[in-house]
Amino acid sequence: MSDAAEKFLTPADRLQIEARIGEAEKRTSGEIVVKVVSSSYHYPLASMLGSSLLAILLGIVVALIANNESMWFFLAAFSMLFIVLHELFKRLHFLRRYFVTASDMKEEVEEGAIHSFYRRNINNTVDHTGILIYISLFERKVRVVADQGINAKVAQEVWQEIVAIIVSGIRAKTQVQAIGKAVDRCADILSTHFPLKADDRNELSNTVIIGQGK
């Protein structure tokens, strides 16, 4: 499923965003990291539930068409249909969305963002001024995670503006421009509280991270 993230931003797109990050960080001692994942979780229960329900329904249809009331016939049809459908659910990821609740997706994106924040050592900057913009494509959600130094001075609600900018851009298929705009806006917010210092250095790579959530 990582192909979705690869297609979402081409290598040229990533270079463009990385340049925007570099320019933005010239105005603040904060460190901005962008990560795009195809999905924050693979939702195996959704695949099982979806393929089971459809296999039951289709099994009944097959039994009716064959005019066969035998339970063994139904179970055989169900088993074969389940195997095929389960493979389809694993390959056609959009099918899972119909069997995953909004609360489950929100929870997985939250967990994926926090996991990525610590795994990428964004919490290890000198002044704790790292910030992660986490974009999860399957769930169609964006999460901004800021380190404790930022959280002490910037309210969590402020980052909803960043989320809105990116979500709007994705819907309009102008994700590169939207992410660039979000990066610039992050720098605007950070520069107010964390202006560039004379001895500032780039503590975190500007490279756009592509991959899975966890």
C-alpha atoms as a PDB file:
ATOM      1  CA  MET A   1       0.000   0.000   0.000  1.00  0.00           C
ATOM      2  CA  SER A   2       3.044   2.275   0.183  1.00  0.00           C
ATOM      3  CA  ASP A   3       2.518   2.922  -3.556  1.00  0.00           C
ATOM      4  CA  ALA A   4      -0.272   5.361  -2.667  1.00  0.00           C
ATOM      5  CA  ALA A   5       2.137   7.614  -0.789  1.00  0.00           C
ATOM      6  CA  GLU A   6       4.719   7.314  -3.570  1.00  0.00           C
ATOM      7  CA  LYS A   7       2.150   8.407  -6.157  1.00  0.00           C
ATOM      8  CA  PHE A   8       0.773  11.164  -3.943  1.00  0.00           C
ATOM      9  CA  LEU A   9       4.091  13.024  -4.088  1.00  0.00           C
ATOM     10  CA  THR A  10       6.505  12.472  -6.961  1.00  0.00           C
ATOM     11  CA  PRO A  11      10.261  12.849  -6.371  1.00  0.00           C
ATOM     12  CA  ALA A  12      10.047  16.321  -7.940  1.00  0.00           C
ATOM     13  CA  ASP A  13       7.148  17.214  -5.628  1.00  0.00           C
ATOM     14  CA  ARG A  14       9.167  16.157  -2.605  1.00  0.00           C
ATOM     15  CA  LEU A  15      12.146  18.237  -3.652  1.00  0.00           C
ATOM     16  CA  GLN A  16       9.863  21.242  -3.993  1.00  0.00           C
ATOM     17  CA  ILE A  17       8.455  20.747  -0.496  1.00  0.00           C
ATOM     18  CA  GLU A  18      11.907  20.142   0.961  1.00  0.00           C
ATOM     19  CA  ALA A  19      13.055  23.454  -0.507  1.00  0.00           C
ATOM     20  CA  ARG A  20      10.067  25.165   1.129  1.00  0.00           C
ATOM     21  CA  ILE A  21      10.992  23.598   4.459  1.00  0.00           C
ATOM     22  CA  GLY A  22      14.560  24.863   4.089  1.00  0.00           C
ATOM     23  CA  GLU A  23      13.357  28.390   3.359  1.00  0.00           C
ATOM     24  CA  ALA A  24      10.796  28.306   6.170  1.00  0.00           C
ATOM     25  CA  GLU A  25      13.385  27.229   8.723  1.00  0.00           C
ATOM     26  CA  LYS A  26      15.494  30.283   7.919  1.00  0.00           C
ATOM     27  CA  ARG A  27      12.918  32.260   9.910  1.00  0.00           C
ATOM     28  CA  THR A  28      12.690  30.101  13.013  1.00  0.00           C
ATOM     29  CA  SER A  29      14.691  27.829  15.278  1.00  0.00           C
ATOM     30  CA  GLY A  30      11.821  25.348  15.006  1.00  0.00           C
ATOM     31  CA  GLU A  31      12.248  22.159  12.988  1.00  0.00           C
ATOM     32  CA  ILE A  32       9.512  21.132  10.537  1.00  0.00           C
ATOM     33  CA  VAL A  33       9.133  17.531   9.354  1.00  0.00           C
ATOM     34  CA  VAL A  34       6.602  16.276   6.788  1.00  0.00           C
ATOM     35  CA  LYS A  35       5.600  12.622   6.620  1.00  0.00           C
ATOM     36  CA  VAL A  36       3.117  11.041   4.194  1.00  0.00           C
ATOM     37  CA  VAL A  37       1.866   7.503   4.760  1.00  0.00           C
ATOM     38  CA  SER A  38      -0.389   5.372   2.612  1.00  0.00           C
ATOM     39  CA  SER A  39      -2.233   4.175   5.697  1.00  0.00           C
ATOM     40  CA  SER A  40      -1.756   4.393   9.453  1.00  0.00           C
ATOM     41  CA  TYR A  41      -2.879   0.771   9.869  1.00  0.00           C
ATOM     42  CA  HIS A  42      -3.791  -2.190   7.677  1.00  0.00           C
ATOM     43  CA  TYR A  43      -7.144  -2.894   9.419  1.00  0.00           C
ATOM     44  CA  PRO A  44      -7.204  -6.715   9.214  1.00  0.00           C
ATOM     45  CA  LEU A  45     -10.535  -6.890  11.057  1.00  0.00           C
ATOM     46  CA  ALA A  46     -12.155  -4.790   8.325  1.00  0.00           C
ATOM     47  CA  SER A  47     -10.913  -7.232   5.688  1.00  0.00           C
ATOM     48  CA  MET A  48     -12.248 -10.200   7.657  1.00  0.00           C
ATOM     49  CA  LEU A  49     -15.598  -8.566   8.375  1.00  0.00           C
ATOM     50  CA  GLY A  50     -16.136  -7.288   4.850  1.00  0.00           C
ATOM     51  CA  SER A  51     -15.178 -10.508   3.103  1.00  0.00           C
ATOM     52  CA  SER A  52     -17.254 -12.589   5.561  1.00  0.00           C
ATOM     53  CA  LEU A  53     -20.420 -10.540   5.141  1.00  0.00           C
ATOM     54  CA  LEU A  54     -20.160 -10.435   1.368  1.00  0.00           C
ATOM     55  CA  ALA A  55     -19.349 -14.143   1.195  1.00  0.00           C
ATOM     56  CA  ILE A  56     -22.485 -14.933   3.228  1.00  0.00           C
ATOM     57  CA  LEU A  57     -24.695 -12.787   1.007  1.00  0.00           C
ATOM     58  CA  LEU A  58     -23.216 -14.098  -2.225  1.00  0.00           C
ATOM     59  CA  GLY A  59     -23.298 -17.656  -0.878  1.00  0.00           C
ATOM     60  CA  ILE A  60     -27.045 -17.315  -0.318  1.00  0.00           C
ATOM     61  CA  VAL A  61     -27.481 -15.936  -3.845  1.00  0.00           C
ATOM     62  CA  VAL A  62     -25.486 -18.830  -5.331  1.00  0.00           C
ATOM     63  CA  ALA A  63     -27.545 -21.365  -3.353  1.00  0.00           C
ATOM     64  CA  LEU A  64     -30.795 -19.777  -4.540  1.00  0.00           C
ATOM     65  CA  ILE A  65     -29.650 -19.718  -8.164  1.00  0.00           C
ATOM     66  CA  ALA A  66     -28.537 -23.358  -7.911  1.00  0.00           C
ATOM     67  CA  ASN A  67     -31.808 -24.190  -6.125  1.00  0.00           C
ATOM     68  CA  ASN A  68     -29.783 -26.128  -3.560  1.00  0.00           C
ATOM     69  CA  GLU A  69     -30.858 -25.949   0.103  1.00  0.00           C
ATOM     70  CA  SER A  70     -28.021 -28.121   1.411  1.00  0.00           C
ATOM     71  CA  MET A  71     -25.997 -26.493   4.189  1.00  0.00           C
ATOM     72  CA  TRP A  72     -22.888 -28.240   2.868  1.00  0.00           C
ATOM     73  CA  PHE A  73     -23.392 -26.632  -0.531  1.00  0.00           C
ATOM     74  CA  PHE A  74     -23.735 -23.205   1.112  1.00  0.00           C
ATOM     75  CA  LEU A  75     -20.626 -23.730   3.258  1.00  0.00           C
ATOM     76  CA  ALA A  76     -18.605 -24.802   0.223  1.00  0.00           C
ATOM     77  CA  ALA A  77     -19.754 -21.737  -1.731  1.00  0.00           C
ATOM     78  CA  PHE A  78     -19.115 -19.486   1.272  1.00  0.00           C
ATOM     79  CA  SER A  79     -15.582 -20.852   1.751  1.00  0.00           C
ATOM     80  CA  MET A  80     -14.588 -20.315  -1.868  1.00  0.00           C
ATOM     81  CA  LEU A  81     -16.143 -16.858  -1.982  1.00  0.00           C
ATOM     82  CA  PHE A  82     -14.490 -15.864   1.293  1.00  0.00           C
ATOM     83  CA  ILE A  83     -11.029 -16.795   0.009  1.00  0.00           C
ATOM     84  CA  VAL A  84     -11.494 -14.742  -3.164  1.00  0.00           C
ATOM     85  CA  LEU A  85     -13.093 -11.774  -1.413  1.00  0.00           C
ATOM     86  CA  HIS A  86     -10.523 -11.688   1.381  1.00  0.00           C
ATOM     87  CA  GLU A  87      -7.772 -11.464  -1.214  1.00  0.00           C
ATOM     88  CA  LEU A  88      -9.662  -8.643  -2.935  1.00  0.00           C
ATOM     89  CA  PHE A  89      -9.992  -6.754   0.344  1.00  0.00           C
ATOM     90  CA  LYS A  90      -6.250  -7.071   0.896  1.00  0.00           C
ATOM     91  CA  ARG A  91      -5.495  -5.745  -2.569  1.00  0.00           C
ATOM     92  CA  LEU A  92      -8.282  -3.176  -3.063  1.00  0.00           C
ATOM     93  CA  HIS A  93      -7.756  -1.000  -0.033  1.00  0.00           C
ATOM     94  CA  PHE A  94     -10.689   1.331  -0.658  1.00  0.00           C
ATOM     95  CA  LEU A  95     -13.072  -1.558   0.116  1.00  0.00           C
ATOM     96  CA  ARG A  96     -11.916  -1.571   3.738  1.00  0.00           C
ATOM     97  CA  ARG A  97     -13.170   1.962   4.309  1.00  0.00           C
ATOM     98  CA  TYR A  98     -16.761   0.675   4.342  1.00  0.00           C
ATOM     99  CA  PHE A  99     -15.943  -1.587   7.287  1.00  0.00           C
ATOM    100  CA  VAL A 100     -13.818   0.734   9.434  1.00  0.00           C
ATOM    101  CA  THR A 101     -15.421   3.209  11.813  1.00  0.00           C
ATOM    102  CA  ALA A 102     -14.448   6.878  11.825  1.00  0.00           C
ATOM    103  CA  SER A 103     -13.368   6.583  15.458  1.00  0.00           C
ATOM    104  CA  ASP A 104     -11.059   3.659  14.642  1.00  0.00           C
ATOM    105  CA  MET A 105      -9.424   5.610  11.818  1.00  0.00           C
ATOM    106  CA  LYS A 106      -8.999   8.676  14.006  1.00  0.00           C
ATOM    107  CA  GLU A 107      -7.387   6.568  16.728  1.00  0.00           C
ATOM    108  CA  GLU A 108      -4.993   4.847  14.316  1.00  0.00           C
ATOM    109  CA  VAL A 109      -3.923   8.146  12.726  1.00  0.00           C
ATOM    110  CA  GLU A 110      -3.317   9.620  16.170  1.00  0.00           C
ATOM    111  CA  GLU A 111      -1.247   6.610  17.172  1.00  0.00           C
ATOM    112  CA  GLY A 112       0.642   6.590  13.873  1.00  0.00           C
ATOM    113  CA  ALA A 113       1.509  10.277  14.181  1.00  0.00           C
ATOM    114  CA  ILE A 114       2.742   9.949  17.775  1.00  0.00           C
ATOM    115  CA  HIS A 115       4.726   6.817  16.901  1.00  0.00           C
ATOM    116  CA  SER A 116       6.361   8.569  13.940  1.00  0.00           C
ATOM    117  CA  PHE A 117       7.129  11.638  16.055  1.00  0.00           C
ATOM    118  CA  TYR A 118       9.226   9.640  18.500  1.00  0.00           C
ATOM    119  CA  ARG A 119      10.610   7.128  16.024  1.00  0.00           C
ATOM    120  CA  ARG A 120      12.017   9.981  13.931  1.00  0.00           C
ATOM    121  CA  ASN A 121      13.497  11.645  17.042  1.00  0.00           C
ATOM    122  CA  ILE A 122      11.550  14.834  16.435  1.00  0.00           C
ATOM    123  CA  ASN A 123      11.400  15.158  20.216  1.00  0.00           C
ATOM    124  CA  ASN A 124      15.198  15.346  20.467  1.00  0.00           C
ATOM    125  CA  THR A 125      15.872  18.906  19.299  1.00  0.00           C
ATOM    126  CA  VAL A 126      17.830  21.123  21.700  1.00  0.00           C
ATOM    127  CA  ASP A 127      14.921  23.395  22.602  1.00  0.00           C
ATOM    128  CA  HIS A 128      12.174  20.827  21.951  1.00  0.00           C
ATOM    129  CA  THR A 129      10.886  22.806  18.986  1.00  0.00           C
ATOM    130  CA  GLY A 130      10.262  20.013  16.506  1.00  0.00           C
ATOM    131  CA  ILE A 131       6.949  19.680  14.695  1.00  0.00           C
ATOM    132  CA  LEU A 132       5.574  16.850  12.554  1.00  0.00           C
ATOM    133  CA  ILE A 133       3.006  17.282   9.791  1.00  0.00           C
ATOM    134  CA  TYR A 134       1.601  13.771   9.380  1.00  0.00           C
ATOM    135  CA  ILE A 135      -0.600  12.985   6.368  1.00  0.00           C
ATOM    136  CA  SER A 136      -2.419   9.631   6.256  1.00  0.00           C
ATOM    137  CA  LEU A 137      -3.980   8.987   2.855  1.00  0.00           C
ATOM    138  CA  PHE A 138      -6.254   5.980   3.418  1.00  0.00           C
ATOM    139  CA  GLU A 139      -7.938   7.646   6.372  1.00  0.00           C
ATOM    140  CA  ARG A 140      -7.898  11.045   4.624  1.00  0.00           C
ATOM    141  CA  LYS A 141      -6.642  12.699   7.787  1.00  0.00           C
ATOM    142  CA  VAL A 142      -3.863  15.095   8.759  1.00  0.00           C
ATOM    143  CA  ARG A 143      -2.332  15.384  12.221  1.00  0.00           C
ATOM    144  CA  VAL A 144       0.131  17.971  13.509  1.00  0.00           C
ATOM    145  CA  VAL A 145       2.299  16.895  16.454  1.00  0.00           C
ATOM    146  CA  ALA A 146       4.425  19.520  18.204  1.00  0.00           C
ATOM    147  CA  ASP A 147       7.093  19.008  20.856  1.00  0.00           C
ATOM    148  CA  GLN A 148       6.710  20.192  24.442  1.00  0.00           C
ATOM    149  CA  GLY A 149       8.642  23.422  23.908  1.00  0.00           C
ATOM    150  CA  ILE A 150       6.107  24.481  21.277  1.00  0.00           C
ATOM    151  CA  ASN A 151       3.096  23.194  23.208  1.00  0.00           C
ATOM    152  CA  ALA A 152       4.080  25.392  26.144  1.00  0.00           C
ATOM    153  CA  LYS A 153       3.534  28.491  23.998  1.00  0.00           C
ATOM    154  CA  VAL A 154       1.178  27.500  21.170  1.00  0.00           C
ATOM    155  CA  ALA A 155      -2.336  26.144  21.751  1.00  0.00           C
ATOM    156  CA  GLN A 156      -3.251  22.862  20.058  1.00  0.00           C
ATOM    157  CA  GLU A 157      -6.190  24.543  18.336  1.00  0.00           C
ATOM    158  CA  VAL A 158      -3.783  26.688  16.310  1.00  0.00           C
ATOM    159  CA  TRP A 159      -2.641  23.654  14.333  1.00  0.00           C
ATOM    160  CA  GLN A 160      -6.146  23.021  13.010  1.00  0.00           C
ATOM    161  CA  GLU A 161      -5.452  25.788  10.513  1.00  0.00           C
ATOM    162  CA  ILE A 162      -2.541  23.739   9.161  1.00  0.00           C
ATOM    163  CA  VAL A 163      -4.761  20.662   8.942  1.00  0.00           C
ATOM    164  CA  ALA A 164      -7.452  22.617   7.078  1.00  0.00           C
ATOM    165  CA  ILE A 165      -4.950  23.998   4.556  1.00  0.00           C
ATOM    166  CA  ILE A 166      -3.662  20.542   3.644  1.00  0.00           C
ATOM    167  CA  VAL A 167      -7.055  18.803   3.600  1.00  0.00           C
ATOM    168  CA  SER A 168      -8.431  21.507   1.314  1.00  0.00           C
ATOM    169  CA  GLY A 169      -5.434  21.177  -0.994  1.00  0.00           C
ATOM    170  CA  ILE A 170      -5.745  17.403  -1.198  1.00  0.00           C
ATOM    171  CA  ARG A 171      -9.405  17.696  -2.154  1.00  0.00           C
ATOM    172  CA  ALA A 172      -8.473  20.186  -4.866  1.00  0.00           C
ATOM    173  CA  LYS A 173      -5.585  17.925  -5.996  1.00  0.00           C
ATOM    174  CA  THR A 174      -3.096  20.718  -5.260  1.00  0.00           C
ATOM    175  CA  GLN A 175      -1.377  18.884  -2.432  1.00  0.00           C
ATOM    176  CA  VAL A 176       2.133  20.137  -3.229  1.00  0.00           C
ATOM    177  CA  GLN A 177       1.115  23.778  -3.050  1.00  0.00           C
ATOM    178  CA  ALA A 178      -1.016  23.106   0.039  1.00  0.00           C
ATOM    179  CA  ILE A 179       1.778  21.370   1.925  1.00  0.00           C
ATOM    180  CA  GLY A 180       4.150  24.186   0.974  1.00  0.00           C
ATOM    181  CA  LYS A 181       1.646  26.738   2.236  1.00  0.00           C
ATOM    182  CA  ALA A 182       1.202  24.768   5.463  1.00  0.00           C
ATOM    183  CA  VAL A 183       4.965  24.668   5.992  1.00  0.00           C
ATOM    184  CA  ASP A 184       5.166  28.443   5.504  1.00  0.00           C
ATOM    185  CA  ARG A 185       2.317  28.962   7.953  1.00  0.00           C
ATOM    186  CA  CYS A 186       4.033  26.735  10.525  1.00  0.00           C
ATOM    187  CA  ALA A 187       7.126  28.918  10.199  1.00  0.00           C
ATOM    188  CA  ASP A 188       4.989  32.037  10.701  1.00  0.00           C
ATOM    189  CA  ILE A 189       3.599  30.626  13.937  1.00  0.00           C
ATOM    190  CA  LEU A 190       6.925  29.298  15.193  1.00  0.00           C
ATOM    191  CA  SER A 191       8.934  32.428  14.373  1.00  0.00           C
ATOM    192  CA  THR A 192       6.767  34.446  16.761  1.00  0.00           C
ATOM    193  CA  HIS A 193       7.849  32.352  19.727  1.00  0.00           C
ATOM    194  CA  PHE A 194      11.030  30.745  18.410  1.00  0.00           C
ATOM    195  CA  PRO A 195      12.903  33.183  16.144  1.00  0.00           C
ATOM    196  CA  LEU A 196      16.052  32.069  14.373  1.00  0.00           C
ATOM    197  CA  LYS A 197      19.059  32.062  16.719  1.00  0.00           C
ATOM    198  CA  ALA A 198      22.567  33.149  15.775  1.00  0.00           C
ATOM    199  CA  ASP A 199      23.931  29.662  16.459  1.00  0.00           C
ATOM    200  CA  ASP A 200      20.988  27.828  14.911  1.00  0.00           C
ATOM    201  CA  ARG A 201      21.671  24.634  12.984  1.00  0.00           C
ATOM    202  CA  ASN A 202      19.482  22.244  11.041  1.00  0.00           C
ATOM    203  CA  GLU A 203      18.859  19.485  13.588  1.00  0.00           C
ATOM    204  CA  LEU A 204      16.386  17.427  11.565  1.00  0.00           C
ATOM    205  CA  SER A 205      16.513  16.493   7.891  1.00  0.00           C
ATOM    206  CA  ASN A 206      14.213  18.390   5.540  1.00  0.00           C
ATOM    207  CA  THR A 207      13.578  15.215   3.540  1.00  0.00           C
ATOM    208  CA  VAL A 208       9.893  14.381   3.077  1.00  0.00           C
ATOM    209  CA  ILE A 209       9.290  10.988   4.669  1.00  0.00           C
ATOM    210  CA  ILE A 210       7.267   8.461   2.680  1.00  0.00           C
ATOM    211  CA  GLY A 211       6.083   5.223   4.225  1.00  0.00           C
ATOM    212  CA  GLN A 212       3.752   3.455   6.621  1.00  0.00           C
ATOM    213  CA  GLY A 213       2.327   4.840   9.822  1.00  0.00           C
ATOM    214  CA  LYS A 214       3.805   2.339  12.243  1.00  0.00           C
END
